[in-house]
Amino acid sequence: MRNEHTLEAGEAEAMKAELLRPKYEKQVRSERRKKAAAPLEGRAAGGLRPWRELAAPHPEVTSRRV
């Protein structure tokens, strides 16, 4: 009888793990996306010139009257 309960407990753990797997996979994907985007935030990508070198800002922007 004890073996039966052990088997049931093992099956319950396996079912629990299977149900939680998509949740954990989603968390892992989310963390990977955050890490991949982090180096780009707030920094110019290598080799790109600042936008002010490519286009002149509107006079109101340069005089800070916006």
N, C-alpha and C. Protein backbone atom coordinates (compact mmCIF):
# COMPACT_ATOMS: atom_id res chain seq x y z
N MET A 1 0.82 -1.19 0.00
CA MET A 1 0.00 0.00 0.00
C MET A 1 0.87 1.26 0.00
N ARG A 2 1.95 1.23 0.73
CA ARG A 2 2.84 2.39 0.78
C ARG A 2 3.41 2.69 -0.60
N ASN A 3 3.71 1.67 -1.36
CA ASN A 3 4.24 1.84 -2.71
C ASN A 3 3.23 2.54 -3.60
N GLU A 4 1.95 2.25 -3.42
CA GLU A 4 0.89 2.88 -4.19
C GLU A 4 0.86 4.39 -3.95
N HIS A 5 0.98 4.79 -2.68
CA HIS A 5 0.96 6.21 -2.34
C HIS A 5 2.18 6.93 -2.89
N THR A 6 3.31 6.25 -2.86
CA THR A 6 4.53 6.83 -3.41
C THR A 6 4.38 7.04 -4.91
N LEU A 7 3.79 6.10 -5.58
CA LEU A 7 3.56 6.21 -7.01
C LEU A 7 2.60 7.37 -7.31
N GLU A 8 1.55 7.49 -6.53
CA GLU A 8 0.60 8.58 -6.73
C GLU A 8 1.26 9.93 -6.48
N ALA A 9 2.08 10.01 -5.45
CA ALA A 9 2.77 11.26 -5.15
C ALA A 9 3.72 11.62 -6.29
N GLY A 10 4.40 10.64 -6.82
CA GLY A 10 5.30 10.88 -7.95
C GLY A 10 4.55 11.34 -9.19
N GLU A 11 3.41 10.72 -9.42
CA GLU A 11 2.59 11.13 -10.57
C GLU A 11 2.07 12.55 -10.38
N ALA A 12 1.68 12.88 -9.15
CA ALA A 12 1.18 14.23 -8.87
C ALA A 12 2.28 15.26 -9.09
N GLU A 13 3.50 14.95 -8.67
CA GLU A 13 4.62 15.87 -8.88
C GLU A 13 4.91 16.05 -10.37
N ALA A 14 4.84 14.96 -11.12
CA ALA A 14 5.08 15.04 -12.56
C ALA A 14 4.01 15.88 -13.24
N MET A 15 2.77 15.72 -12.83
CA MET A 15 1.68 16.50 -13.40
C MET A 15 1.84 17.98 -13.05
N LYS A 16 2.23 18.24 -11.82
CA LYS A 16 2.45 19.62 -11.38
C LYS A 16 3.55 20.27 -12.21
N ALA A 17 4.65 19.55 -12.38
CA ALA A 17 5.77 20.08 -13.16
C ALA A 17 5.34 20.36 -14.60
N GLU A 18 4.56 19.47 -15.16
CA GLU A 18 4.08 19.64 -16.54
C GLU A 18 3.17 20.86 -16.66
N LEU A 19 2.34 21.10 -15.67
CA LEU A 19 1.44 22.25 -15.69
C LEU A 19 2.19 23.57 -15.50
N LEU A 20 3.26 23.55 -14.71
CA LEU A 20 4.02 24.77 -14.44
C LEU A 20 5.05 25.09 -15.52
N ARG A 21 5.38 24.11 -16.34
CA ARG A 21 6.42 24.30 -17.36
C ARG A 21 6.16 25.50 -18.27
N PRO A 22 4.96 25.69 -18.83
CA PRO A 22 4.74 26.86 -19.70
C PRO A 22 4.96 28.19 -18.97
N LYS A 23 4.59 28.24 -17.71
CA LYS A 23 4.78 29.47 -16.93
C LYS A 23 6.27 29.78 -16.81
N TYR A 24 7.07 28.78 -16.46
CA TYR A 24 8.50 28.99 -16.31
C TYR A 24 9.16 29.31 -17.65
N GLU A 25 8.74 28.66 -18.71
CA GLU A 25 9.29 28.94 -20.03
C GLU A 25 9.00 30.38 -20.44
N LYS A 26 7.80 30.85 -20.12
CA LYS A 26 7.44 32.23 -20.43
C LYS A 26 8.33 33.20 -19.65
N GLN A 27 8.59 32.91 -18.39
CA GLN A 27 9.46 33.76 -17.58
C GLN A 27 10.88 33.78 -18.16
N VAL A 28 11.37 32.65 -18.58
CA VAL A 28 12.71 32.57 -19.16
C VAL A 28 12.78 33.39 -20.44
N ARG A 29 11.76 33.27 -21.30
CA ARG A 29 11.74 34.05 -22.55
C ARG A 29 11.73 35.53 -22.24
N SER A 30 10.94 35.92 -21.26
CA SER A 30 10.84 37.33 -20.88
C SER A 30 12.19 37.86 -20.39
N GLU A 31 12.86 37.10 -19.56
CA GLU A 31 14.17 37.51 -19.05
C GLU A 31 15.18 37.62 -20.19
N ARG A 32 15.15 36.69 -21.12
CA ARG A 32 16.08 36.74 -22.26
C ARG A 32 15.84 37.98 -23.10
N ARG A 33 14.57 38.32 -23.32
CA ARG A 33 14.25 39.53 -24.09
C ARG A 33 14.76 40.77 -23.38
N LYS A 34 14.56 40.82 -22.07
CA LYS A 34 15.03 41.98 -21.31
C LYS A 34 16.54 42.12 -21.41
N LYS A 35 17.25 41.01 -21.28
CA LYS A 35 18.71 41.06 -21.35
C LYS A 35 19.18 41.44 -22.74
N ALA A 36 18.48 40.98 -23.77
CA ALA A 36 18.87 41.29 -25.14
C ALA A 36 18.63 42.76 -25.45
N ALA A 37 17.59 43.37 -24.89
CA ALA A 37 17.26 44.76 -25.17
C ALA A 37 18.06 45.72 -24.29
N ALA A 38 18.51 45.28 -23.15
CA ALA A 38 19.19 46.15 -22.20
C ALA A 38 20.39 46.89 -22.79
N PRO A 39 21.26 46.26 -23.58
CA PRO A 39 22.40 47.00 -24.11
C PRO A 39 22.02 48.13 -25.07
N LEU A 40 20.83 48.09 -25.63
CA LEU A 40 20.42 49.09 -26.60
C LEU A 40 19.78 50.31 -25.96
N GLU A 41 19.27 50.18 -24.78
CA GLU A 41 18.55 51.27 -24.14
C GLU A 41 19.49 52.41 -23.77
N GLY A 42 19.15 53.62 -24.24
CA GLY A 42 19.89 54.80 -23.85
C GLY A 42 21.23 54.98 -24.52
N ARG A 43 21.61 54.11 -25.41
CA ARG A 43 22.91 54.21 -26.08
C ARG A 43 22.72 54.12 -27.59
N ALA A 44 23.54 54.86 -28.28
CA ALA A 44 23.51 54.77 -29.74
C ALA A 44 24.16 53.46 -30.16
N ALA A 45 23.59 52.86 -31.16
CA ALA A 45 24.17 51.62 -31.68
C ALA A 45 25.51 51.96 -32.34
N GLY A 46 26.42 51.04 -32.26
CA GLY A 46 27.76 51.27 -32.82
C GLY A 46 27.71 51.66 -34.29
N GLY A 47 28.46 52.68 -34.64
CA GLY A 47 28.55 53.10 -36.03
C GLY A 47 27.48 54.09 -36.46
N LEU A 48 26.51 54.36 -35.63
CA LEU A 48 25.47 55.32 -36.01
C LEU A 48 25.83 56.71 -35.49
N ARG A 49 25.60 57.70 -36.33
CA ARG A 49 25.84 59.07 -35.91
C ARG A 49 24.64 59.59 -35.12
N PRO A 50 24.85 60.56 -34.23
CA PRO A 50 23.73 61.15 -33.51
C PRO A 50 22.75 61.81 -34.48
N TRP A 51 21.48 61.82 -34.11
CA TRP A 51 20.46 62.34 -35.01
C TRP A 51 20.69 63.81 -35.32
N ARG A 52 21.28 64.57 -34.41
CA ARG A 52 21.51 66.00 -34.66
C ARG A 52 22.55 66.22 -35.76
N GLU A 53 23.37 65.23 -36.05
CA GLU A 53 24.32 65.35 -37.16
C GLU A 53 23.64 65.07 -38.50
N LEU A 54 22.51 64.39 -38.46
CA LEU A 54 21.80 64.03 -39.69
C LEU A 54 20.71 65.02 -40.05
N ALA A 55 20.05 65.60 -39.06
CA ALA A 55 18.94 66.51 -39.32
C ALA A 55 19.02 67.66 -38.31
N ALA A 56 18.81 68.85 -38.81
CA ALA A 56 18.83 70.02 -37.92
C ALA A 56 17.52 70.08 -37.16
N PRO A 57 17.58 70.29 -35.85
CA PRO A 57 16.35 70.39 -35.08
C PRO A 57 15.61 71.69 -35.41
N HIS A 58 14.34 71.68 -35.18
CA HIS A 58 13.51 72.85 -35.41
C HIS A 58 13.99 73.98 -34.50
N PRO A 59 13.91 75.25 -34.97
CA PRO A 59 14.40 76.37 -34.17
C PRO A 59 13.80 76.42 -32.76
N GLU A 60 12.54 76.04 -32.61
CA GLU A 60 11.92 76.06 -31.28
C GLU A 60 12.61 75.05 -30.33
N VAL A 61 13.08 73.97 -30.91
CA VAL A 61 13.76 72.97 -30.10
C VAL A 61 15.11 73.50 -29.65
N THR A 62 15.85 74.11 -30.56
CA THR A 62 17.17 74.61 -30.20
C THR A 62 17.09 75.78 -29.23
N SER A 63 16.02 76.58 -29.31
CA SER A 63 15.89 77.71 -28.38
C SER A 63 15.18 77.30 -27.09
N ARG A 64 14.76 76.04 -27.01
CA ARG A 64 14.11 75.46 -25.84
C ARG A 64 12.80 76.17 -25.49
N ARG A 65 12.05 76.58 -26.51
CA ARG A 65 10.76 77.22 -26.30
C ARG A 65 9.60 76.24 -26.41
N VAL A 66 9.89 75.00 -26.38
CA VAL A 66 8.85 73.99 -26.57
C VAL A 66 8.10 73.74 -25.31
